[in-house]
N, C-alpha and C. Protein backbone atom coordinates (compact mmCIF):
# COMPACT_ATOMS: atom_id res chain seq x y z
N MET A 1 22.59 -69.51 -166.70
CA MET A 1 23.20 -68.24 -166.18
C MET A 1 24.82 -68.55 -165.86
N ARG A 2 25.71 -67.64 -166.58
CA ARG A 2 27.38 -67.62 -166.18
C ARG A 2 27.42 -66.56 -164.78
N ILE A 3 28.12 -66.63 -164.00
CA ILE A 3 28.47 -65.87 -162.71
C ILE A 3 29.72 -65.67 -162.35
N LYS A 4 30.15 -64.82 -162.39
CA LYS A 4 31.74 -64.06 -162.21
C LYS A 4 31.98 -64.62 -160.63
N LEU A 5 32.79 -65.11 -160.32
CA LEU A 5 33.15 -65.45 -158.74
C LEU A 5 34.62 -65.35 -158.71
N SER A 6 35.28 -65.09 -157.64
CA SER A 6 36.50 -65.17 -157.09
C SER A 6 36.76 -65.42 -156.00
N THR A 7 37.95 -66.07 -155.49
CA THR A 7 38.67 -66.75 -153.80
C THR A 7 38.41 -65.45 -153.28
N GLY A 8 38.23 -64.18 -153.62
CA GLY A 8 38.81 -62.92 -152.65
C GLY A 8 37.24 -63.52 -151.73
N ILE A 9 36.22 -63.80 -151.89
CA ILE A 9 35.28 -63.78 -151.45
C ILE A 9 34.72 -65.26 -151.01
N MET A 10 34.62 -66.04 -152.53
CA MET A 10 34.79 -67.59 -152.24
C MET A 10 35.66 -68.28 -151.36
N GLN A 11 35.69 -68.33 -150.52
CA GLN A 11 36.90 -68.62 -149.76
C GLN A 11 37.28 -70.09 -149.59
N ALA A 12 36.57 -71.27 -150.09
CA ALA A 12 36.83 -72.55 -149.81
C ALA A 12 37.95 -72.93 -150.49
N ILE A 13 38.70 -72.28 -151.40
CA ILE A 13 39.90 -72.50 -152.03
C ILE A 13 41.09 -71.33 -152.11
N ASN A 14 42.19 -71.29 -151.40
CA ASN A 14 42.92 -70.23 -151.61
C ASN A 14 44.04 -70.34 -152.47
N VAL A 15 44.21 -69.59 -153.07
CA VAL A 15 45.75 -69.73 -154.27
C VAL A 15 46.93 -68.38 -154.12
N GLY A 16 46.89 -67.87 -152.60
CA GLY A 16 47.54 -67.02 -152.38
C GLY A 16 48.62 -67.47 -152.17
N MET A 17 50.00 -66.59 -153.00
CA MET A 17 50.93 -67.04 -152.85
C MET A 17 52.18 -66.54 -152.21
N TYR A 18 52.10 -65.57 -151.28
CA TYR A 18 53.15 -64.67 -150.94
C TYR A 18 52.72 -65.27 -149.00
N GLU A 19 53.75 -65.79 -148.67
CA GLU A 19 53.95 -66.46 -147.02
C GLU A 19 52.83 -66.81 -147.11
N THR A 20 52.63 -67.92 -147.87
CA THR A 20 51.86 -69.44 -147.60
C THR A 20 52.38 -70.40 -147.90
N GLN A 21 51.79 -71.79 -147.82
CA GLN A 21 52.33 -72.95 -148.21
C GLN A 21 52.50 -73.10 -149.98
N LEU A 22 51.92 -71.99 -150.45
CA LEU A 22 51.76 -71.82 -151.90
C LEU A 22 52.82 -71.48 -152.42
N ASP A 23 53.74 -70.43 -151.44
CA ASP A 23 54.78 -69.98 -151.88
C ASP A 23 56.00 -70.34 -152.39
N PRO A 24 56.58 -69.81 -153.35
CA PRO A 24 57.57 -70.99 -154.33
C PRO A 24 58.70 -71.23 -152.93
N ARG A 25 59.04 -69.82 -152.25
CA ARG A 25 60.00 -69.92 -151.65
C ARG A 25 60.31 -71.15 -150.65
N TYR A 26 59.00 -71.60 -150.22
CA TYR A 26 58.69 -72.73 -149.22
C TYR A 26 58.52 -73.99 -149.86
N MET A 27 57.66 -73.81 -151.22
CA MET A 27 57.36 -74.81 -152.05
C MET A 27 58.62 -75.47 -152.88
N PHE A 28 59.39 -74.94 -153.09
CA PHE A 28 60.69 -75.56 -153.67
C PHE A 28 61.81 -75.66 -152.49
N GLU A 29 62.03 -76.22 -151.89
CA GLU A 29 63.09 -76.48 -150.99
C GLU A 29 64.76 -76.79 -151.49
N SER A 30 65.64 -76.49 -150.52
CA SER A 30 66.73 -76.25 -151.60
C SER A 30 67.64 -77.47 -151.81
N GLU A 31 66.90 -78.46 -152.04
CA GLU A 31 67.03 -79.96 -152.30
C GLU A 31 66.35 -80.22 -154.11
N ASP A 32 65.38 -79.61 -153.97
CA ASP A 32 64.68 -79.11 -155.21
C ASP A 32 65.58 -78.52 -156.18
N LEU A 33 66.71 -77.37 -155.80
CA LEU A 33 67.01 -76.50 -156.77
C LEU A 33 68.04 -77.29 -157.91
N GLU A 34 68.53 -78.24 -157.25
CA GLU A 34 69.52 -78.99 -158.17
C GLU A 34 70.91 -78.35 -158.37
N ILE A 35 71.38 -77.61 -157.09
CA ILE A 35 72.57 -77.01 -157.29
C ILE A 35 73.18 -77.11 -156.04
N ASP A 36 74.83 -77.69 -156.13
CA ASP A 36 75.43 -77.90 -154.70
C ASP A 36 75.60 -77.06 -153.69
N GLU A 37 75.54 -75.65 -153.77
CA GLU A 37 75.64 -74.69 -153.05
C GLU A 37 74.27 -74.42 -152.39
N CYS A 38 73.63 -74.93 -152.85
CA CYS A 38 72.22 -74.36 -152.24
C CYS A 38 72.49 -74.27 -151.06
N ASP A 39 72.30 -75.43 -150.21
CA ASP A 39 72.35 -75.16 -148.55
C ASP A 39 72.83 -74.07 -147.90
N ALA A 40 73.98 -73.48 -148.53
CA ALA A 40 74.77 -72.46 -148.25
C ALA A 40 74.29 -71.06 -148.93
N LEU A 41 73.07 -70.84 -149.18
CA LEU A 41 72.45 -69.78 -149.75
C LEU A 41 71.99 -69.09 -148.32
N THR A 42 72.04 -67.63 -148.32
CA THR A 42 71.27 -67.20 -147.47
C THR A 42 70.00 -66.93 -147.50
N ASP A 43 68.98 -66.14 -147.04
CA ASP A 43 67.37 -66.20 -147.15
C ASP A 43 67.49 -64.86 -148.22
N GLU A 44 68.19 -63.92 -148.20
CA GLU A 44 68.36 -63.21 -149.33
C GLU A 44 68.66 -63.42 -150.68
N GLU A 45 70.04 -64.51 -150.69
CA GLU A 45 70.20 -65.22 -152.02
C GLU A 45 69.55 -66.02 -152.53
N LYS A 46 68.65 -66.45 -151.82
CA LYS A 46 67.41 -67.47 -152.35
C LYS A 46 66.57 -66.49 -152.69
N THR A 47 66.11 -65.72 -152.39
CA THR A 47 64.86 -64.30 -152.63
C THR A 47 65.75 -64.05 -154.17
N LEU A 48 66.98 -63.50 -154.55
CA LEU A 48 67.48 -63.45 -155.50
C LEU A 48 67.45 -64.50 -156.51
N PHE A 49 67.31 -65.46 -156.41
CA PHE A 49 67.56 -66.68 -157.18
C PHE A 49 65.67 -66.80 -157.77
N PHE A 50 65.06 -66.69 -157.02
CA PHE A 50 63.12 -67.13 -157.28
C PHE A 50 63.29 -65.25 -157.94
N ASN A 51 63.58 -64.34 -157.74
CA ASN A 51 63.44 -63.57 -158.77
C ASN A 51 64.30 -63.42 -159.97
N ALA A 52 65.13 -63.98 -159.89
CA ALA A 52 65.68 -63.63 -161.26
C ALA A 52 65.80 -65.25 -162.32
N ASP A 53 65.44 -66.42 -161.72
CA ASP A 53 65.58 -67.75 -162.17
C ASP A 53 64.58 -68.62 -162.38
N PHE A 54 63.49 -68.20 -161.71
CA PHE A 54 61.93 -68.94 -161.02
C PHE A 54 61.06 -68.42 -162.19
N LYS A 55 60.52 -69.42 -162.81
CA LYS A 55 59.19 -69.30 -164.11
C LYS A 55 58.23 -68.64 -163.56
N SER A 56 57.75 -67.30 -162.85
CA SER A 56 56.57 -67.52 -162.18
C SER A 56 55.77 -67.42 -162.94
N ASP A 57 55.37 -67.13 -164.07
CA ASP A 57 54.30 -67.29 -164.93
C ASP A 57 54.13 -68.77 -165.21
N GLU A 58 54.93 -69.81 -165.22
CA GLU A 58 54.71 -70.72 -165.64
C GLU A 58 54.18 -71.79 -164.24
N TYR A 59 54.68 -71.22 -162.99
CA TYR A 59 54.11 -71.93 -161.61
C TYR A 59 52.52 -71.13 -161.58
N ASP A 60 52.33 -69.92 -161.62
CA ASP A 60 51.24 -69.65 -161.52
C ASP A 60 49.77 -70.56 -162.34
N LYS A 61 50.51 -71.05 -163.86
CA LYS A 61 49.32 -71.74 -164.76
C LYS A 61 49.27 -72.93 -163.77
N VAL A 62 50.08 -73.73 -163.27
CA VAL A 62 50.51 -74.54 -162.36
C VAL A 62 49.50 -74.60 -161.46
N VAL A 63 49.70 -73.40 -160.56
CA VAL A 63 48.65 -73.13 -159.29
C VAL A 63 47.31 -73.23 -160.07
N VAL A 64 47.18 -72.28 -160.74
CA VAL A 64 45.69 -72.31 -161.88
C VAL A 64 44.83 -73.71 -161.83
N GLU A 65 45.79 -74.77 -162.75
CA GLU A 65 45.19 -76.17 -162.47
C GLU A 65 45.12 -77.10 -161.71
N ALA A 66 45.60 -76.49 -160.49
CA ALA A 66 45.53 -77.48 -159.42
C ALA A 66 44.14 -76.70 -158.90
N ALA A 67 44.14 -75.36 -158.73
CA ALA A 67 42.76 -74.78 -158.06
C ALA A 67 42.08 -75.42 -159.04
N VAL A 68 41.82 -75.18 -160.28
CA VAL A 68 40.40 -75.79 -161.17
C VAL A 68 39.88 -77.24 -160.87
N ASN A 69 41.25 -77.93 -160.83
CA ASN A 69 40.97 -79.37 -160.14
C ASN A 69 40.22 -79.51 -159.30
N GLU A 70 40.63 -78.99 -158.42
CA GLU A 70 39.77 -78.64 -156.77
C GLU A 70 38.49 -77.74 -156.68
N LEU A 71 38.24 -76.97 -157.00
CA LEU A 71 37.08 -76.20 -157.41
C LEU A 71 35.97 -77.23 -158.29
N LYS A 72 36.65 -77.99 -159.24
CA LYS A 72 35.57 -79.10 -159.67
C LYS A 72 34.90 -80.07 -158.62
N ASP A 73 36.00 -80.63 -157.84
CA ASP A 73 35.39 -81.22 -156.86
C ASP A 73 34.60 -80.72 -156.00
N PHE A 74 35.28 -79.56 -155.39
CA PHE A 74 33.92 -79.13 -154.30
C PHE A 74 32.97 -78.61 -154.78
N LEU A 75 32.66 -78.21 -155.96
CA LEU A 75 31.26 -78.22 -156.67
C LEU A 75 30.64 -79.15 -156.66
N VAL A 76 31.25 -80.32 -157.06
CA VAL A 76 30.72 -82.08 -156.96
C VAL A 76 30.01 -81.66 -155.55
N ASP A 77 30.89 -81.56 -154.68
CA ASP A 77 30.32 -81.68 -153.21
C ASP A 77 29.58 -80.84 -152.35
N VAL A 78 29.68 -79.83 -153.51
CA VAL A 78 28.75 -78.82 -153.06
C VAL A 78 27.08 -79.39 -153.57
N GLU A 79 26.64 -80.22 -154.51
CA GLU A 79 25.74 -80.54 -155.35
C GLU A 79 25.20 -81.82 -154.17
N ASP A 80 26.19 -82.81 -153.75
CA ASP A 80 25.75 -83.32 -152.74
C ASP A 80 25.42 -83.18 -151.60
N TRP A 81 25.73 -82.25 -151.11
CA TRP A 81 25.37 -81.33 -150.09
C TRP A 81 24.21 -80.55 -150.00
N THR A 82 23.86 -79.83 -151.04
CA THR A 82 22.61 -78.89 -150.96
C THR A 82 21.70 -79.65 -152.19
N GLU A 83 22.44 -80.45 -153.15
CA GLU A 83 21.16 -80.02 -154.15
C GLU A 83 21.05 -79.44 -155.32
N VAL A 84 22.20 -78.17 -155.14
CA VAL A 84 22.46 -77.38 -155.77
C VAL A 84 23.35 -77.44 -157.20
N LYS A 85 22.95 -77.53 -158.07
CA LYS A 85 24.36 -78.33 -159.27
C LYS A 85 24.76 -76.73 -159.63
N ILE A 86 26.39 -76.78 -159.71
CA ILE A 86 26.92 -75.46 -160.19
C ILE A 86 28.51 -75.80 -160.95
N THR A 87 28.42 -75.64 -161.94
CA THR A 87 29.75 -76.19 -162.97
C THR A 87 30.37 -75.22 -163.23
N LEU A 88 31.56 -75.42 -163.01
CA LEU A 88 32.58 -74.55 -163.41
C LEU A 88 33.31 -74.38 -165.01
N CYS A 89 33.31 -73.32 -165.32
CA CYS A 89 33.45 -72.94 -166.91
C CYS A 89 34.86 -73.29 -167.02
N ASP A 90 35.45 -73.02 -168.27
CA ASP A 90 36.55 -72.85 -168.25
C ASP A 90 36.89 -71.58 -168.33
N GLY A 91 38.33 -71.08 -167.96
CA GLY A 91 39.05 -69.44 -168.44
C GLY A 91 39.46 -68.84 -166.79
N ALA A 92 39.74 -70.38 -165.64
CA ALA A 92 40.25 -69.66 -164.51
C ALA A 92 41.68 -69.18 -164.75
N THR A 93 41.68 -67.80 -164.07
CA THR A 93 42.96 -66.91 -163.83
C THR A 93 43.21 -66.35 -162.47
N ILE A 94 44.63 -66.48 -162.43
CA ILE A 94 44.99 -65.55 -161.52
C ILE A 94 45.18 -64.28 -161.22
N ASP A 95 44.44 -63.45 -160.16
CA ASP A 95 44.81 -61.95 -160.33
C ASP A 95 45.74 -61.14 -159.30
N SER A 96 46.98 -61.40 -159.37
CA SER A 96 48.03 -61.04 -158.25
C SER A 96 48.16 -59.89 -157.99
N PRO A 97 48.12 -58.94 -157.08
CA PRO A 97 48.16 -57.72 -156.57
C PRO A 97 49.46 -57.18 -157.13
N GLN A 98 49.48 -55.60 -157.49
CA GLN A 98 50.85 -55.19 -157.30
C GLN A 98 51.87 -55.02 -155.91
N PHE A 99 51.35 -55.04 -154.85
CA PHE A 99 51.83 -55.53 -153.94
C PHE A 99 51.00 -55.83 -152.77
N TYR A 100 51.48 -56.60 -151.77
CA TYR A 100 50.49 -57.57 -150.98
C TYR A 100 50.22 -57.21 -149.62
N ASN A 101 50.08 -55.37 -149.79
CA ASN A 101 49.72 -54.93 -148.59
C ASN A 101 48.36 -55.36 -148.22
N TYR A 102 47.52 -55.20 -148.95
CA TYR A 102 45.99 -55.59 -148.42
C TYR A 102 45.18 -56.62 -149.03
N ARG A 103 46.01 -57.17 -149.84
CA ARG A 103 45.15 -58.67 -150.27
C ARG A 103 46.57 -59.67 -151.01
N SER A 104 45.92 -60.83 -150.79
CA SER A 104 46.65 -61.51 -151.74
C SER A 104 46.86 -62.29 -153.49
N ASP A 105 46.90 -62.93 -153.99
CA ASP A 105 46.54 -63.84 -154.72
C ASP A 105 45.13 -64.05 -155.08
N GLU A 106 44.21 -63.86 -156.04
CA GLU A 106 42.94 -64.23 -155.92
C GLU A 106 42.66 -64.98 -157.44
N LEU A 107 41.70 -66.12 -157.45
CA LEU A 107 41.61 -67.04 -158.57
C LEU A 107 39.99 -66.25 -158.89
N ASP A 108 39.99 -65.88 -160.17
CA ASP A 108 38.81 -65.10 -160.77
C ASP A 108 38.55 -66.46 -161.42
N PHE A 109 36.91 -66.64 -161.85
CA PHE A 109 36.62 -67.51 -162.12
C PHE A 109 35.34 -67.74 -162.95
N GLU A 110 34.54 -68.14 -163.07
CA GLU A 110 32.96 -68.43 -163.75
C GLU A 110 32.43 -69.49 -163.81
N VAL A 111 31.07 -69.86 -163.05
CA VAL A 111 30.33 -70.66 -163.25
C VAL A 111 29.32 -70.88 -164.04
N GLU A 112 28.85 -72.02 -164.41
CA GLU A 112 27.15 -71.85 -164.65
C GLU A 112 26.25 -72.50 -164.34
N VAL A 113 25.15 -71.78 -163.78
CA VAL A 113 23.82 -71.97 -163.09
C VAL A 113 22.49 -71.97 -163.48
N GLU A 114 22.06 -72.38 -163.27
CA GLU A 114 20.66 -72.55 -163.86
C GLU A 114 19.52 -71.71 -162.74
N GLN A 115 18.45 -70.92 -163.00
CA GLN A 115 18.01 -69.99 -162.09
C GLN A 115 17.04 -70.88 -161.47
N SER A 116 16.70 -72.11 -161.66
CA SER A 116 15.93 -72.95 -160.82
C SER A 116 16.91 -73.46 -159.73
N GLU A 117 18.23 -73.71 -159.81
CA GLU A 117 19.33 -73.85 -158.67
C GLU A 117 19.24 -72.77 -157.59
N LEU A 118 19.62 -72.01 -158.56
CA LEU A 118 19.88 -70.28 -157.58
C LEU A 118 18.43 -70.27 -156.36
N ASP A 119 17.59 -70.66 -157.07
CA ASP A 119 16.20 -70.42 -155.98
C ASP A 119 16.21 -71.23 -154.65
N LYS A 120 16.95 -72.06 -155.05
CA LYS A 120 17.47 -73.25 -154.02
C LYS A 120 17.67 -72.62 -152.99
N ILE A 121 18.61 -71.77 -152.72
CA ILE A 121 19.31 -71.13 -151.62
C ILE A 121 18.64 -70.62 -150.80
N LEU A 122 17.84 -69.57 -150.75
CA LEU A 122 17.22 -68.69 -150.16
C LEU A 122 16.29 -69.68 -149.30
N PRO A 123 15.77 -70.50 -149.61
CA PRO A 123 14.89 -71.27 -148.86
C PRO A 123 15.49 -72.00 -147.92
N SER A 124 16.54 -72.17 -148.18
CA SER A 124 17.89 -73.11 -147.74
C SER A 124 18.53 -72.52 -145.98
N VAL A 125 18.72 -71.14 -146.40
CA VAL A 125 19.11 -70.31 -144.99
C VAL A 125 17.94 -69.55 -144.71
N ILE A 126 17.08 -69.22 -144.72
CA ILE A 126 16.20 -67.97 -144.65
C ILE A 126 16.08 -68.05 -143.23
N ASP A 127 15.91 -69.51 -142.87
CA ASP A 127 15.32 -69.40 -141.57
C ASP A 127 16.68 -69.86 -140.08
N ASN A 128 17.76 -69.83 -141.02
CA ASN A 128 19.21 -70.39 -139.81
C ASN A 128 19.52 -69.06 -139.62
N GLN A 129 19.18 -68.62 -138.27
CA GLN A 129 20.06 -67.52 -137.99
C GLN A 129 21.62 -67.67 -137.92
N LYS A 130 22.01 -68.96 -137.63
CA LYS A 130 23.33 -68.99 -137.15
C LYS A 130 23.95 -68.07 -138.84
N PHE A 131 23.23 -68.84 -139.69
CA PHE A 131 23.92 -68.00 -141.19
C PHE A 131 24.03 -66.56 -140.92
N TRP A 132 23.08 -65.98 -140.81
CA TRP A 132 23.08 -64.41 -140.61
C TRP A 132 23.95 -63.94 -139.87
N GLU A 133 24.12 -64.49 -138.71
CA GLU A 133 25.18 -63.97 -137.94
C GLU A 133 26.39 -64.53 -138.35
N TRP A 134 26.49 -65.44 -138.92
CA TRP A 134 27.90 -65.77 -139.64
C TRP A 134 28.18 -64.78 -140.60
N ILE A 135 27.35 -64.33 -141.82
CA ILE A 135 27.79 -63.61 -142.78
C ILE A 135 27.84 -62.13 -142.16
N GLU A 136 27.37 -61.99 -141.25
CA GLU A 136 27.98 -60.51 -140.64
C GLU A 136 28.66 -60.47 -139.72
N ASP A 137 29.29 -61.56 -139.33
CA ASP A 137 30.90 -61.49 -138.76
C ASP A 137 31.64 -61.98 -139.49
N ARG A 138 31.35 -62.44 -140.82
CA ARG A 138 32.71 -62.71 -141.78
C ARG A 138 33.02 -61.63 -142.51
N TYR A 139 31.93 -60.88 -143.32
CA TYR A 139 31.69 -60.09 -144.19
C TYR A 139 31.75 -59.05 -144.35
N GLY A 140 31.09 -58.72 -142.90
CA GLY A 140 30.84 -57.51 -142.23
C GLY A 140 31.23 -56.14 -142.33
N SER A 141 30.98 -54.65 -142.17
CA SER A 141 32.11 -53.85 -142.14
C SER A 141 32.47 -53.66 -140.74
N CYS A 142 33.86 -53.42 -140.50
CA CYS A 142 34.37 -53.13 -138.91
C CYS A 142 34.57 -51.66 -139.32
N SER A 143 36.14 -51.70 -137.91
CA SER A 143 36.28 -50.29 -137.72
C SER A 143 37.42 -50.47 -138.53
N GLY A 144 37.40 -49.39 -139.49
CA GLY A 144 38.67 -49.66 -140.39
C GLY A 144 38.14 -50.03 -141.91
N PHE A 145 37.59 -50.87 -141.92
CA PHE A 145 36.81 -51.06 -143.00
C PHE A 145 35.53 -51.32 -143.31
N ILE A 146 35.28 -51.22 -144.99
CA ILE A 146 34.02 -50.86 -145.35
C ILE A 146 33.60 -52.00 -146.58
N SER A 147 32.57 -52.81 -145.95
CA SER A 147 32.35 -53.70 -146.80
C SER A 147 31.74 -53.72 -147.75
N PHE A 148 31.55 -53.98 -149.32
CA PHE A 148 30.94 -54.32 -150.08
C PHE A 148 30.06 -55.47 -150.66
N CYS A 149 30.03 -56.36 -149.51
CA CYS A 149 29.24 -57.70 -149.38
C CYS A 149 27.82 -57.22 -149.04
N PRO A 150 26.82 -57.87 -149.29
CA PRO A 150 25.46 -57.63 -148.44
C PRO A 150 25.78 -58.75 -147.53
N TYR A 151 25.89 -58.05 -146.63
CA TYR A 151 25.99 -59.23 -145.52
C TYR A 151 24.70 -59.51 -144.46
N ARG A 152 23.88 -58.00 -144.53
CA ARG A 152 22.92 -58.06 -143.88
C ARG A 152 21.52 -58.77 -144.30
N LYS A 153 20.81 -58.92 -143.57
CA LYS A 153 19.70 -60.05 -143.98
C LYS A 153 19.08 -59.69 -145.25
N ASP A 154 18.57 -58.27 -145.12
CA ASP A 154 17.70 -57.75 -146.25
C ASP A 154 18.67 -57.54 -147.38
N GLU A 155 19.90 -57.39 -147.26
CA GLU A 155 20.58 -57.81 -148.45
C GLU A 155 21.03 -58.39 -149.14
N PHE A 156 20.97 -59.79 -148.33
CA PHE A 156 21.46 -60.77 -149.13
C PHE A 156 20.29 -60.89 -149.69
N ILE A 157 19.40 -61.35 -148.96
CA ILE A 157 18.19 -61.74 -149.96
C ILE A 157 17.67 -60.79 -151.13
N LYS A 158 17.96 -59.52 -151.33
CA LYS A 158 18.02 -59.07 -152.40
C LYS A 158 19.12 -59.07 -153.38
N ALA A 159 20.16 -59.64 -152.82
CA ALA A 159 21.28 -60.00 -153.48
C ALA A 159 21.10 -61.49 -154.29
N ILE A 160 20.76 -62.39 -153.47
CA ILE A 160 20.54 -63.85 -154.30
C ILE A 160 19.76 -63.72 -155.09
N GLN A 161 18.75 -62.59 -154.99
CA GLN A 161 17.58 -62.75 -155.67
C GLN A 161 17.49 -61.85 -157.06
N GLY A 162 18.89 -61.69 -157.44
CA GLY A 162 18.92 -60.74 -158.66
C GLY A 162 19.82 -59.70 -158.44
N GLU A 163 19.99 -58.90 -157.58
CA GLU A 163 20.60 -57.56 -157.13
C GLU A 163 22.23 -57.59 -157.54
N ASP A 164 22.61 -59.04 -156.86
CA ASP A 164 24.41 -58.86 -156.52
C ASP A 164 24.52 -60.43 -156.37
N ILE A 165 24.14 -61.17 -157.56
CA ILE A 165 24.19 -62.80 -157.76
C ILE A 165 26.28 -63.16 -157.38
N GLU A 166 27.16 -62.43 -157.94
CA GLU A 166 28.05 -62.56 -157.72
C GLU A 166 28.54 -62.75 -156.60
N ARG A 167 28.20 -61.61 -155.75
CA ARG A 167 28.67 -61.44 -154.00
C ARG A 167 28.27 -62.86 -153.03
N SER A 168 26.56 -62.75 -153.39
CA SER A 168 25.82 -63.47 -152.47
C SER A 168 26.14 -65.01 -152.54
N LEU A 169 26.14 -65.07 -154.17
CA LEU A 169 26.45 -66.66 -153.79
C LEU A 169 28.01 -67.28 -153.78
N ALA A 170 28.79 -66.26 -153.72
CA ALA A 170 30.04 -66.52 -153.08
C ALA A 170 29.76 -66.54 -151.77
N MET A 171 29.75 -65.66 -151.20
CA MET A 171 29.37 -65.83 -149.73
C MET A 171 28.54 -67.28 -149.16
N TRP A 172 27.04 -67.46 -150.31
CA TRP A 172 27.36 -68.76 -149.91
C TRP A 172 27.71 -70.17 -149.94
N LEU A 173 28.22 -70.18 -150.70
CA LEU A 173 29.31 -71.30 -151.27
C LEU A 173 30.41 -71.20 -149.98
N THR A 174 30.93 -70.29 -149.53
CA THR A 174 31.82 -69.94 -148.44
C THR A 174 31.62 -70.75 -147.19
N TRP A 175 29.79 -70.23 -147.04
CA TRP A 175 28.91 -71.07 -145.95
C TRP A 175 29.15 -72.25 -145.73
N ILE A 176 28.71 -73.01 -147.08
CA ILE A 176 28.57 -74.40 -147.32
C ILE A 176 30.00 -75.04 -147.15
N PHE A 177 30.77 -74.49 -147.34
CA PHE A 177 32.54 -75.07 -147.51
C PHE A 177 32.54 -75.21 -145.57
N LYS A 178 32.15 -74.31 -144.83
CA LYS A 178 32.33 -74.57 -143.39
C LYS A 178 31.90 -75.01 -142.93
N GLU A 179 30.34 -75.06 -143.07
CA GLU A 179 29.60 -76.07 -142.61
C GLU A 179 30.14 -77.72 -142.75
N ASN A 180 30.66 -78.09 -143.92
CA ASN A 180 30.52 -79.37 -144.48
C ASN A 180 32.42 -79.39 -144.08
N VAL A 181 33.06 -78.47 -144.37
CA VAL A 181 34.61 -78.77 -143.95
C VAL A 181 35.21 -77.82 -142.92
N SER A 182 35.92 -78.30 -142.29
CA SER A 182 36.78 -77.90 -141.09
C SER A 182 37.76 -76.85 -141.96
N GLU A 183 37.50 -75.16 -141.96
CA GLU A 183 38.42 -74.22 -142.72
C GLU A 183 39.26 -73.94 -141.60
N THR A 184 38.90 -74.19 -140.16
CA THR A 184 39.94 -73.90 -139.23
C THR A 184 41.64 -74.80 -139.63
N TYR A 185 40.88 -76.20 -139.77
CA TYR A 185 42.27 -76.96 -139.29
C TYR A 185 42.62 -77.38 -140.19
N TYR A 186 41.83 -78.20 -141.20
CA TYR A 186 42.11 -79.13 -142.22
C TYR A 186 41.63 -78.61 -143.41
N ASN A 187 41.92 -78.48 -144.74
CA ASN A 187 41.33 -78.26 -145.49
C ASN A 187 41.68 -79.20 -147.00
N PRO A 188 41.01 -80.15 -147.25
CA PRO A 188 41.62 -81.21 -147.79
C PRO A 188 41.84 -80.57 -149.58
N TYR A 189 40.89 -79.88 -150.06
CA TYR A 189 40.89 -79.18 -151.39
C TYR A 189 42.86 -78.39 -151.66
N GLU A 190 42.98 -77.40 -150.41
CA GLU A 190 44.12 -76.95 -150.84
C GLU A 190 45.37 -78.15 -150.56
N GLU A 191 45.11 -79.12 -149.63
CA GLU A 191 46.10 -80.25 -149.40
C GLU A 191 46.10 -81.03 -150.75
N ASN A 192 45.27 -81.34 -151.36
CA ASN A 192 45.10 -81.74 -152.64
C ASN A 192 46.23 -81.00 -153.61
N MET A 193 45.96 -79.18 -153.56
CA MET A 193 46.57 -78.34 -154.56
C MET A 193 48.14 -78.72 -154.38
N ILE A 194 48.51 -78.74 -152.92
CA ILE A 194 49.87 -78.77 -152.70
C ILE A 194 50.52 -80.18 -153.38
N GLU A 195 49.82 -81.00 -153.30
CA GLU A 195 50.47 -82.62 -153.44
C GLU A 195 50.48 -82.35 -155.44
N TYR A 196 49.37 -81.62 -155.76
CA TYR A 196 49.55 -81.69 -157.36
C TYR A 196 50.63 -81.16 -157.94
N ILE A 197 51.17 -79.98 -157.28
CA ILE A 197 52.25 -78.49 -157.32
C ILE A 197 53.54 -79.48 -157.30
N ARG A 198 53.53 -80.54 -156.08
CA ARG A 198 54.76 -80.81 -155.62
C ARG A 198 55.13 -81.71 -156.94
N LYS A 199 54.32 -82.24 -157.58
CA LYS A 199 54.59 -82.85 -158.34
C LYS A 199 55.57 -82.53 -159.96
N TYR A 200 55.76 -81.22 -159.73
CA TYR A 200 55.85 -80.03 -160.81
C TYR A 200 57.86 -79.64 -160.27
N LYS A 201 57.89 -80.42 -159.44
CA LYS A 201 58.72 -79.64 -158.15
C LYS A 201 60.04 -79.38 -158.93
N LYS A 202 60.65 -80.60 -159.84
CA LYS A 202 61.41 -80.68 -160.72
C LYS A 202 61.68 -80.42 -162.14
N ASN A 203 60.28 -79.67 -162.33
CA ASN A 203 60.10 -79.69 -163.90
C ASN A 203 60.85 -78.49 -164.15
N PRO A 204 61.44 -78.60 -165.40
CA PRO A 204 62.53 -78.20 -165.91
C PRO A 204 61.93 -76.04 -166.76
N LEU A 205 60.23 -76.83 -166.73
CA LEU A 205 59.27 -75.69 -166.96
C LEU A 205 59.64 -74.38 -165.77
N LEU A 206 60.18 -74.83 -164.94
CA LEU A 206 59.47 -73.83 -163.58
C LEU A 206 60.81 -73.66 -162.91
N ILE A 207 62.15 -74.53 -163.32
CA ILE A 207 63.56 -74.42 -162.43
C ILE A 207 64.09 -74.09 -163.89
N THR A 208 65.04 -73.12 -164.01
CA THR A 208 66.78 -72.98 -164.74
C THR A 208 67.51 -72.91 -164.11
N MET A 209 68.50 -73.93 -164.05
CA MET A 209 69.62 -73.40 -163.25
C MET A 209 70.75 -73.89 -164.64
C-alpha cells in the first residue's frame, strides 16, 4: 500500500529553510555571490538581494533532490536495522508555510509498504517501555499544544493496525532513527544533504547577478 508521510512527524530528515543550515542566507556566503561589493553589504541589503534575485523555486527543487537521496538511504538503513522494507515513491514536494510562526518547511512524500512489513512493527515495540515513554514525551499534548498523534499506547496500537497508519508509521520511523543515529549531535543524512546542495553554490540556475 502507498502511505503519505511528512517530515513534520517523520523527523529523521529536516528540510526547514528558515534559520537553519539550509537557509540560503547561510548556505550561500558572500564569496559565492560573485559581486565585488558583497562583503560591504549589510544584513538588510543581503536580505533584499535574496528576496529580489535568488531563485527560491529552483533552490527548493535542489533541496528536494537532496532530501530524496537521503530518504532512500535512510529507508535502506531502516531495513537493515529492523528487517522492515519500506520503499520511497516518486513525487516528493516541499510544503512551506506562509509564515514561520509555528512550523518550518516540511517534505511531503509517499512510501510503498506491504502489509506483511507493517505487521512486523507492533511486535517490535509492544514490550518496549522506553518506546511508549518516548512517543508520549515526543508527540504528546502539553500546555498550550494539542497533539493529533496517537501517542498513548492504546491509541498507537490501533493506529498502526490501520486506524492511522500515516502518523504511527512516521512516529515509528523517527524512533528507529533515534535509536540508531544520534539525533542530537550529528545527523549524517542532513550532513549529506548540505554537501549535495553546496555543489550548486555557483549554479546560475540559483543566482543571477
